[in-house]
Amino acid sequence: MDIDREQISYIIGQRIYTFRTQKKLSQEALAFESEIHPAYLGRVERGEKCPTIETLYKISKGLKIPLHELLDVSCLLYTSPSP
């Protein structure tokens, strides 16, 4: 399956949003913990920005999860569509 930059940005943003809401963190709280601007975090979560690996590492630290867990999109990319 081919995936473009916009799709991966959207998927990663959704994963960040999901982890953040599961941990009951506001965008502002996660941005503070991650040492990034809250507006930028919002754009990342909406898939409008493609963050660097350094920024993703900061976000994973803010979420207190390993970076590989944040980046593991394999279950979304390689599942077969339902018949």
C-alpha atoms as a PDB file:
ATOM      1  CA  MET A   1       0.000   0.000   0.000  1.00  0.00           C
ATOM      2  CA  ASP A   2       1.364   3.404  -0.961  1.00  0.00           C
ATOM      3  CA  ILE A   3       0.860   6.208   1.491  1.00  0.00           C
ATOM      4  CA  ASP A   4       1.566   9.862   0.913  1.00  0.00           C
ATOM      5  CA  ARG A   5       2.782  12.559   3.274  1.00  0.00           C
ATOM      6  CA  GLU A   6      -0.702  13.954   3.892  1.00  0.00           C
ATOM      7  CA  GLN A   7      -2.096  10.552   4.827  1.00  0.00           C
ATOM      8  CA  ILE A   8       0.721   9.730   7.252  1.00  0.00           C
ATOM      9  CA  SER A   9       0.437  13.196   8.820  1.00  0.00           C
ATOM     10  CA  TYR A  10      -3.283  12.647   9.337  1.00  0.00           C
ATOM     11  CA  ILE A  11      -2.808   9.163  10.814  1.00  0.00           C
ATOM     12  CA  ILE A  12      -0.034  10.277  13.187  1.00  0.00           C
ATOM     13  CA  GLY A  13      -2.134  13.279  14.221  1.00  0.00           C
ATOM     14  CA  GLN A  14      -5.061  11.005  15.021  1.00  0.00           C
ATOM     15  CA  ARG A  15      -2.793   8.743  17.082  1.00  0.00           C
ATOM     16  CA  ILE A  16      -1.512  11.729  19.062  1.00  0.00           C
ATOM     17  CA  TYR A  17      -5.087  12.906  19.636  1.00  0.00           C
ATOM     18  CA  THR A  18      -6.169   9.427  20.752  1.00  0.00           C
ATOM     19  CA  PHE A  19      -3.290   8.991  23.197  1.00  0.00           C
ATOM     20  CA  ARG A  20      -3.804  12.528  24.530  1.00  0.00           C
ATOM     21  CA  THR A  21      -7.511  12.083  25.154  1.00  0.00           C
ATOM     22  CA  GLN A  22      -7.003   8.632  26.692  1.00  0.00           C
ATOM     23  CA  LYS A  23      -4.621  10.271  29.156  1.00  0.00           C
ATOM     24  CA  LYS A  24      -7.146  13.088  29.727  1.00  0.00           C
ATOM     25  CA  LEU A  25      -4.654  15.789  28.729  1.00  0.00           C
ATOM     26  CA  SER A  26      -5.608  19.080  27.125  1.00  0.00           C
ATOM     27  CA  GLN A  27      -3.688  20.236  24.073  1.00  0.00           C
ATOM     28  CA  GLU A  28      -2.151  22.944  26.224  1.00  0.00           C
ATOM     29  CA  ALA A  29      -1.000  20.456  28.869  1.00  0.00           C
ATOM     30  CA  LEU A  30       0.546  18.132  26.290  1.00  0.00           C
ATOM     31  CA  ALA A  31       2.185  21.038  24.475  1.00  0.00           C
ATOM     32  CA  PHE A  32       3.703  22.222  27.756  1.00  0.00           C
ATOM     33  CA  GLU A  33       4.971  18.713  28.585  1.00  0.00           C
ATOM     34  CA  SER A  34       6.319  18.360  25.041  1.00  0.00           C
ATOM     35  CA  GLU A  35       7.914  21.822  24.956  1.00  0.00           C
ATOM     36  CA  ILE A  36       6.104  22.817  21.763  1.00  0.00           C
ATOM     37  CA  HIS A  37       3.580  25.549  20.993  1.00  0.00           C
ATOM     38  CA  PRO A  38      -0.074  24.558  21.614  1.00  0.00           C
ATOM     39  CA  ALA A  39      -1.192  25.926  18.231  1.00  0.00           C
ATOM     40  CA  TYR A  40       1.427  23.784  16.487  1.00  0.00           C
ATOM     41  CA  LEU A  41       0.256  20.701  18.381  1.00  0.00           C
ATOM     42  CA  GLY A  42      -3.290  21.415  17.217  1.00  0.00           C
ATOM     43  CA  ARG A  43      -2.150  21.577  13.600  1.00  0.00           C
ATOM     44  CA  VAL A  44      -0.223  18.310  14.026  1.00  0.00           C
ATOM     45  CA  GLU A  45      -3.275  16.579  15.511  1.00  0.00           C
ATOM     46  CA  ARG A  46      -5.425  17.753  12.589  1.00  0.00           C
ATOM     47  CA  GLY A  47      -2.844  16.451  10.101  1.00  0.00           C
ATOM     48  CA  GLU A  48      -2.104  19.942   8.804  1.00  0.00           C
ATOM     49  CA  LYS A  49       1.590  19.754   9.724  1.00  0.00           C
ATOM     50  CA  CYS A  50       4.126  16.991   9.194  1.00  0.00           C
ATOM     51  CA  PRO A  51       6.272  17.104  12.344  1.00  0.00           C
ATOM     52  CA  THR A  52       9.949  16.217  12.412  1.00  0.00           C
ATOM     53  CA  ILE A  53      11.126  13.105  14.188  1.00  0.00           C
ATOM     54  CA  GLU A  54      12.507  15.379  16.923  1.00  0.00           C
ATOM     55  CA  THR A  55       9.047  16.888  17.470  1.00  0.00           C
ATOM     56  CA  LEU A  56       7.442  13.448  17.492  1.00  0.00           C
ATOM     57  CA  TYR A  57       9.984  12.373  20.102  1.00  0.00           C
ATOM     58  CA  LYS A  58       9.073  15.387  22.254  1.00  0.00           C
ATOM     59  CA  ILE A  59       5.377  14.551  21.920  1.00  0.00           C
ATOM     60  CA  SER A  60       5.965  10.903  22.830  1.00  0.00           C
ATOM     61  CA  LYS A  61       7.881  12.045  25.924  1.00  0.00           C
ATOM     62  CA  GLY A  62       5.006  14.393  26.786  1.00  0.00           C
ATOM     63  CA  LEU A  63       2.584  11.489  26.434  1.00  0.00           C
ATOM     64  CA  LYS A  64       4.951   9.248  28.426  1.00  0.00           C
ATOM     65  CA  ILE A  65       4.922   6.554  25.758  1.00  0.00           C
ATOM     66  CA  PRO A  66       7.762   5.120  23.664  1.00  0.00           C
ATOM     67  CA  LEU A  67       8.233   6.782  20.288  1.00  0.00           C
ATOM     68  CA  HIS A  68       7.741   3.473  18.482  1.00  0.00           C
ATOM     69  CA  GLU A  69       4.265   3.166  20.022  1.00  0.00           C
ATOM     70  CA  LEU A  70       3.285   6.574  18.677  1.00  0.00           C
ATOM     71  CA  LEU A  71       4.641   5.705  15.226  1.00  0.00           C
ATOM     72  CA  ASP A  72       3.169   2.202  14.997  1.00  0.00           C
ATOM     73  CA  VAL A  73       0.592   2.703  12.277  1.00  0.00           C
ATOM     74  CA  SER A  74       1.024  -0.776  10.816  1.00  0.00           C
ATOM     75  CA  CYS A  75      -2.368  -1.944  12.051  1.00  0.00           C
ATOM     76  CA  LEU A  76      -3.984   0.927  10.146  1.00  0.00           C
ATOM     77  CA  LEU A  77      -1.957   0.570   6.957  1.00  0.00           C
ATOM     78  CA  TYR A  78      -1.949  -3.148   6.426  1.00  0.00           C
ATOM     79  CA  THR A  79      -5.447  -4.237   7.341  1.00  0.00           C
ATOM     80  CA  SER A  80      -7.642  -5.524   4.567  1.00  0.00           C
ATOM     81  CA  PRO A  81     -10.861  -3.661   3.865  1.00  0.00           C
ATOM     82  CA  SER A  82     -13.991  -5.460   4.980  1.00  0.00           C
ATOM     83  CA  PRO A  83     -15.929  -7.242   2.221  1.00  0.00           C
END
